[in-house]
């Protein structure tokens, strides 16, 4: 799976990217891997830490690792990510 730059993705693309990461985790676990080794051996979820508040990042990790696709959970995470990405973009554009 190719890692993407979060700041270049729109809402629909971010949602798709999260689901793609979830599918990668599921495949990894189905092929004998475990959650700890996935986290240690990949950096797919690392960038999300910089675009989510500290209290929401663990929710994101649990969502990804447990293949949670609930619209309410995903939408809340996307709202937070996009707000952070937009605010950082405004700072850089100033």
N, C-alpha and C. Protein backbone atom coordinates (compact mmCIF):
# COMPACT_ATOMS: atom_id res chain seq x y z
N UNK A 1 0.84 -1.18 0.00
CA UNK A 1 0.00 0.00 0.00
C UNK A 1 0.87 1.24 0.00
N UNK A 2 0.51 2.20 -0.82
CA UNK A 2 1.27 3.43 -0.92
C UNK A 2 0.77 4.46 0.09
N UNK A 3 1.69 5.03 0.85
CA UNK A 3 1.36 6.07 1.82
C UNK A 3 1.08 7.36 1.07
N UNK A 4 0.08 8.12 1.52
CA UNK A 4 -0.31 9.36 0.86
C UNK A 4 -0.13 10.57 1.78
N UNK A 5 0.02 11.72 1.18
CA UNK A 5 0.09 12.97 1.92
C UNK A 5 -1.32 13.40 2.30
N UNK A 6 -1.59 13.49 3.57
CA UNK A 6 -2.94 13.80 4.04
C UNK A 6 -3.40 15.18 3.60
N UNK A 7 -2.49 16.13 3.52
CA UNK A 7 -2.86 17.51 3.18
C UNK A 7 -3.33 17.66 1.74
N UNK A 8 -3.10 16.66 0.90
CA UNK A 8 -3.50 16.75 -0.50
C UNK A 8 -4.84 16.06 -0.76
N UNK A 9 -5.41 15.44 0.25
CA UNK A 9 -6.64 14.65 0.06
C UNK A 9 -7.88 15.44 0.48
N UNK A 10 -8.94 15.28 -0.28
CA UNK A 10 -10.22 15.87 0.12
C UNK A 10 -10.95 14.88 1.03
N UNK A 11 -12.13 15.23 1.48
CA UNK A 11 -12.88 14.40 2.43
C UNK A 11 -13.12 12.99 1.90
N UNK A 12 -13.59 12.90 0.65
CA UNK A 12 -13.88 11.60 0.06
C UNK A 12 -12.61 10.76 -0.05
N UNK A 13 -11.52 11.38 -0.45
CA UNK A 13 -10.25 10.67 -0.59
C UNK A 13 -9.70 10.23 0.76
N UNK A 14 -9.87 11.08 1.80
CA UNK A 14 -9.43 10.70 3.15
C UNK A 14 -10.22 9.49 3.65
N UNK A 15 -11.52 9.51 3.43
CA UNK A 15 -12.38 8.39 3.84
C UNK A 15 -11.90 7.10 3.15
N UNK A 16 -11.69 7.20 1.87
CA UNK A 16 -11.22 6.05 1.09
C UNK A 16 -9.86 5.57 1.58
N UNK A 17 -8.99 6.50 1.90
CA UNK A 17 -7.65 6.16 2.39
C UNK A 17 -7.73 5.43 3.73
N UNK A 18 -8.59 5.91 4.62
CA UNK A 18 -8.78 5.23 5.91
C UNK A 18 -9.27 3.80 5.68
N UNK A 19 -10.24 3.63 4.80
CA UNK A 19 -10.76 2.29 4.51
C UNK A 19 -9.69 1.41 3.87
N UNK A 20 -8.84 2.00 3.06
CA UNK A 20 -7.74 1.26 2.45
C UNK A 20 -6.74 0.78 3.51
N UNK A 21 -6.46 1.65 4.47
CA UNK A 21 -5.58 1.26 5.58
C UNK A 21 -6.23 0.14 6.38
N UNK A 22 -7.53 0.25 6.64
CA UNK A 22 -8.24 -0.81 7.37
C UNK A 22 -8.13 -2.14 6.62
N UNK A 23 -8.28 -2.11 5.31
CA UNK A 23 -8.16 -3.34 4.51
C UNK A 23 -6.74 -3.90 4.59
N UNK A 24 -5.75 -3.02 4.62
CA UNK A 24 -4.35 -3.45 4.74
C UNK A 24 -4.12 -4.12 6.09
N UNK A 25 -4.67 -3.53 7.15
CA UNK A 25 -4.55 -4.12 8.49
C UNK A 25 -5.22 -5.50 8.51
N UNK A 26 -6.43 -5.58 7.97
CA UNK A 26 -7.16 -6.84 7.96
C UNK A 26 -6.37 -7.93 7.22
N UNK A 27 -5.82 -7.58 6.08
CA UNK A 27 -5.02 -8.52 5.30
C UNK A 27 -3.77 -8.95 6.08
N UNK A 28 -3.13 -8.00 6.72
CA UNK A 28 -1.93 -8.28 7.51
C UNK A 28 -2.25 -9.27 8.64
N UNK A 29 -3.36 -9.01 9.33
CA UNK A 29 -3.75 -9.88 10.44
C UNK A 29 -4.18 -11.26 9.94
N UNK A 30 -4.87 -11.30 8.81
CA UNK A 30 -5.31 -12.58 8.24
C UNK A 30 -4.14 -13.43 7.76
N UNK A 31 -3.01 -12.79 7.49
CA UNK A 31 -1.82 -13.51 7.03
C UNK A 31 -0.86 -13.83 8.17
N UNK A 32 -1.37 -13.79 9.40
CA UNK A 32 -0.57 -14.23 10.54
C UNK A 32 0.11 -13.13 11.33
N UNK A 33 -0.02 -11.90 10.89
CA UNK A 33 0.58 -10.80 11.64
C UNK A 33 -0.26 -10.47 12.86
N UNK A 34 0.28 -9.63 13.72
CA UNK A 34 -0.49 -9.17 14.87
C UNK A 34 -0.45 -7.65 14.93
N UNK A 35 -1.32 -7.09 15.72
CA UNK A 35 -1.47 -5.64 15.80
C UNK A 35 -0.16 -4.96 16.19
N UNK A 36 0.51 -5.48 17.20
CA UNK A 36 1.77 -4.87 17.64
C UNK A 36 2.80 -4.81 16.52
N UNK A 37 2.96 -5.90 15.78
CA UNK A 37 3.95 -5.90 14.71
C UNK A 37 3.52 -4.99 13.57
N UNK A 38 2.22 -4.89 13.30
CA UNK A 38 1.75 -3.97 12.27
C UNK A 38 2.13 -2.54 12.63
N UNK A 39 1.87 -2.16 13.86
CA UNK A 39 2.19 -0.80 14.31
C UNK A 39 3.70 -0.57 14.27
N UNK A 40 4.47 -1.55 14.69
CA UNK A 40 5.93 -1.42 14.72
C UNK A 40 6.55 -1.42 13.32
N UNK A 41 5.98 -2.18 12.41
CA UNK A 41 6.61 -2.38 11.10
C UNK A 41 6.09 -1.45 10.00
N UNK A 42 5.04 -0.71 10.27
CA UNK A 42 4.52 0.21 9.25
C UNK A 42 4.43 1.62 9.83
N UNK A 43 4.31 2.57 8.92
CA UNK A 43 4.12 3.95 9.36
C UNK A 43 2.86 4.54 8.72
N UNK A 44 1.94 3.68 8.35
CA UNK A 44 0.73 4.12 7.65
C UNK A 44 -0.16 5.03 8.49
N UNK A 45 -0.17 4.84 9.78
CA UNK A 45 -1.06 5.65 10.61
C UNK A 45 -0.34 6.79 11.32
N UNK A 46 0.96 6.85 11.21
CA UNK A 46 1.74 7.85 11.94
C UNK A 46 1.35 9.29 11.60
N UNK A 47 1.15 9.59 10.32
CA UNK A 47 0.84 10.96 9.91
C UNK A 47 -0.48 11.47 10.48
N UNK A 48 -1.37 10.57 10.80
CA UNK A 48 -2.67 10.98 11.32
C UNK A 48 -2.53 11.61 12.72
N UNK A 49 -1.48 11.29 13.41
CA UNK A 49 -1.27 11.85 14.74
C UNK A 49 -1.13 13.37 14.68
N UNK A 50 -0.55 13.87 13.57
CA UNK A 50 -0.34 15.32 13.45
C UNK A 50 -1.59 16.08 13.01
N UNK A 51 -2.63 15.37 12.58
CA UNK A 51 -3.85 16.05 12.12
C UNK A 51 -5.07 15.73 12.99
N UNK A 52 -4.82 15.06 14.11
CA UNK A 52 -5.91 14.76 15.04
C UNK A 52 -5.55 15.26 16.43
N UNK A 53 -6.52 15.80 17.16
CA UNK A 53 -6.27 16.17 18.55
C UNK A 53 -5.83 14.95 19.36
N UNK A 54 -5.07 15.20 20.40
CA UNK A 54 -4.54 14.11 21.23
C UNK A 54 -5.63 13.15 21.71
N UNK A 55 -6.80 13.68 22.03
CA UNK A 55 -7.87 12.81 22.55
C UNK A 55 -8.56 12.01 21.45
N UNK A 56 -8.39 12.39 20.19
CA UNK A 56 -9.04 11.66 19.10
C UNK A 56 -8.11 10.67 18.38
N UNK A 57 -6.81 10.86 18.51
CA UNK A 57 -5.89 9.95 17.83
C UNK A 57 -6.06 8.50 18.28
N UNK A 58 -6.17 8.23 19.59
CA UNK A 58 -6.40 6.83 20.00
C UNK A 58 -7.69 6.25 19.43
N UNK A 59 -8.72 7.08 19.30
CA UNK A 59 -9.98 6.62 18.70
C UNK A 59 -9.73 6.24 17.25
N UNK A 60 -8.94 7.05 16.55
CA UNK A 60 -8.59 6.75 15.16
C UNK A 60 -7.87 5.41 15.07
N UNK A 61 -6.88 5.20 15.94
CA UNK A 61 -6.11 3.95 15.91
C UNK A 61 -7.02 2.75 16.15
N UNK A 62 -7.88 2.85 17.14
CA UNK A 62 -8.83 1.76 17.43
C UNK A 62 -9.76 1.54 16.24
N UNK A 63 -10.20 2.62 15.62
CA UNK A 63 -11.08 2.53 14.45
C UNK A 63 -10.40 1.80 13.31
N UNK A 64 -9.15 2.13 13.06
CA UNK A 64 -8.41 1.50 11.96
C UNK A 64 -8.12 0.04 12.28
N UNK A 65 -7.63 -0.23 13.46
CA UNK A 65 -7.22 -1.59 13.81
C UNK A 65 -8.41 -2.55 13.93
N UNK A 66 -9.56 -2.01 14.30
CA UNK A 66 -10.74 -2.86 14.49
C UNK A 66 -11.73 -2.78 13.33
N UNK A 67 -11.31 -2.16 12.24
CA UNK A 67 -12.12 -2.11 11.01
C UNK A 67 -13.50 -1.51 11.25
N UNK A 68 -13.55 -0.45 12.06
CA UNK A 68 -14.81 0.23 12.35
C UNK A 68 -15.11 1.18 11.20
N UNK A 69 -16.28 1.01 10.59
CA UNK A 69 -16.66 1.82 9.44
C UNK A 69 -17.93 2.64 9.70
N UNK A 70 -18.29 2.79 10.94
CA UNK A 70 -19.47 3.56 11.32
C UNK A 70 -19.36 4.98 10.78
N UNK A 71 -20.41 5.43 10.08
CA UNK A 71 -20.39 6.78 9.52
C UNK A 71 -20.17 7.84 10.59
N UNK A 72 -20.79 7.68 11.74
CA UNK A 72 -20.67 8.71 12.78
C UNK A 72 -19.23 8.81 13.29
N UNK A 73 -18.56 7.69 13.46
CA UNK A 73 -17.17 7.70 13.93
C UNK A 73 -16.25 8.26 12.85
N UNK A 74 -16.38 7.75 11.64
CA UNK A 74 -15.52 8.19 10.54
C UNK A 74 -15.74 9.67 10.26
N UNK A 75 -16.99 10.11 10.23
CA UNK A 75 -17.28 11.52 9.95
C UNK A 75 -16.69 12.44 11.00
N UNK A 76 -16.77 12.06 12.25
CA UNK A 76 -16.19 12.88 13.33
C UNK A 76 -14.68 12.99 13.16
N UNK A 77 -14.03 11.87 12.85
CA UNK A 77 -12.58 11.89 12.63
C UNK A 77 -12.22 12.74 11.42
N UNK A 78 -13.00 12.60 10.35
CA UNK A 78 -12.74 13.40 9.14
C UNK A 78 -12.92 14.89 9.42
N UNK A 79 -13.95 15.24 10.17
CA UNK A 79 -14.16 16.65 10.53
C UNK A 79 -12.94 17.22 11.24
N UNK A 80 -12.42 16.47 12.20
CA UNK A 80 -11.24 16.92 12.95
C UNK A 80 -10.01 17.03 12.07
N UNK A 81 -9.79 16.01 11.24
CA UNK A 81 -8.63 16.02 10.35
C UNK A 81 -8.67 17.20 9.39
N UNK A 82 -9.80 17.38 8.75
CA UNK A 82 -9.91 18.46 7.76
C UNK A 82 -9.80 19.83 8.39
N UNK A 83 -10.33 20.00 9.59
CA UNK A 83 -10.19 21.28 10.30
C UNK A 83 -8.73 21.57 10.59
N UNK A 84 -8.00 20.57 11.04
CA UNK A 84 -6.58 20.75 11.33
C UNK A 84 -5.79 21.01 10.06
N UNK A 85 -6.05 20.24 9.03
CA UNK A 85 -5.33 20.42 7.75
C UNK A 85 -5.60 21.83 7.22
N UNK A 86 -6.85 22.27 7.28
CA UNK A 86 -7.19 23.60 6.78
C UNK A 86 -6.51 24.69 7.61
N UNK A 87 -6.51 24.54 8.92
CA UNK A 87 -5.90 25.57 9.77
C UNK A 87 -4.39 25.63 9.55
N UNK A 88 -3.75 24.48 9.35
CA UNK A 88 -2.31 24.47 9.07
C UNK A 88 -2.04 25.10 7.71
N UNK A 89 -2.92 24.87 6.75
CA UNK A 89 -2.77 25.44 5.43
C UNK A 89 -2.88 26.96 5.48
N UNK A 90 -3.79 27.47 6.28
CA UNK A 90 -3.97 28.91 6.42
C UNK A 90 -2.73 29.54 7.05
N UNK A 91 -2.11 28.86 8.00
CA UNK A 91 -0.90 29.36 8.63
C UNK A 91 0.23 29.44 7.61
N UNK A 92 0.37 28.40 6.78
CA UNK A 92 1.44 28.37 5.80
C UNK A 92 1.20 29.40 4.68
N UNK A 93 -0.06 29.69 4.38
CA UNK A 93 -0.39 30.63 3.31
C UNK A 93 -0.22 32.08 3.74
N UNK A 94 -0.17 32.32 5.04
CA UNK A 94 -0.08 33.71 5.56
C UNK A 94 1.28 34.30 5.31
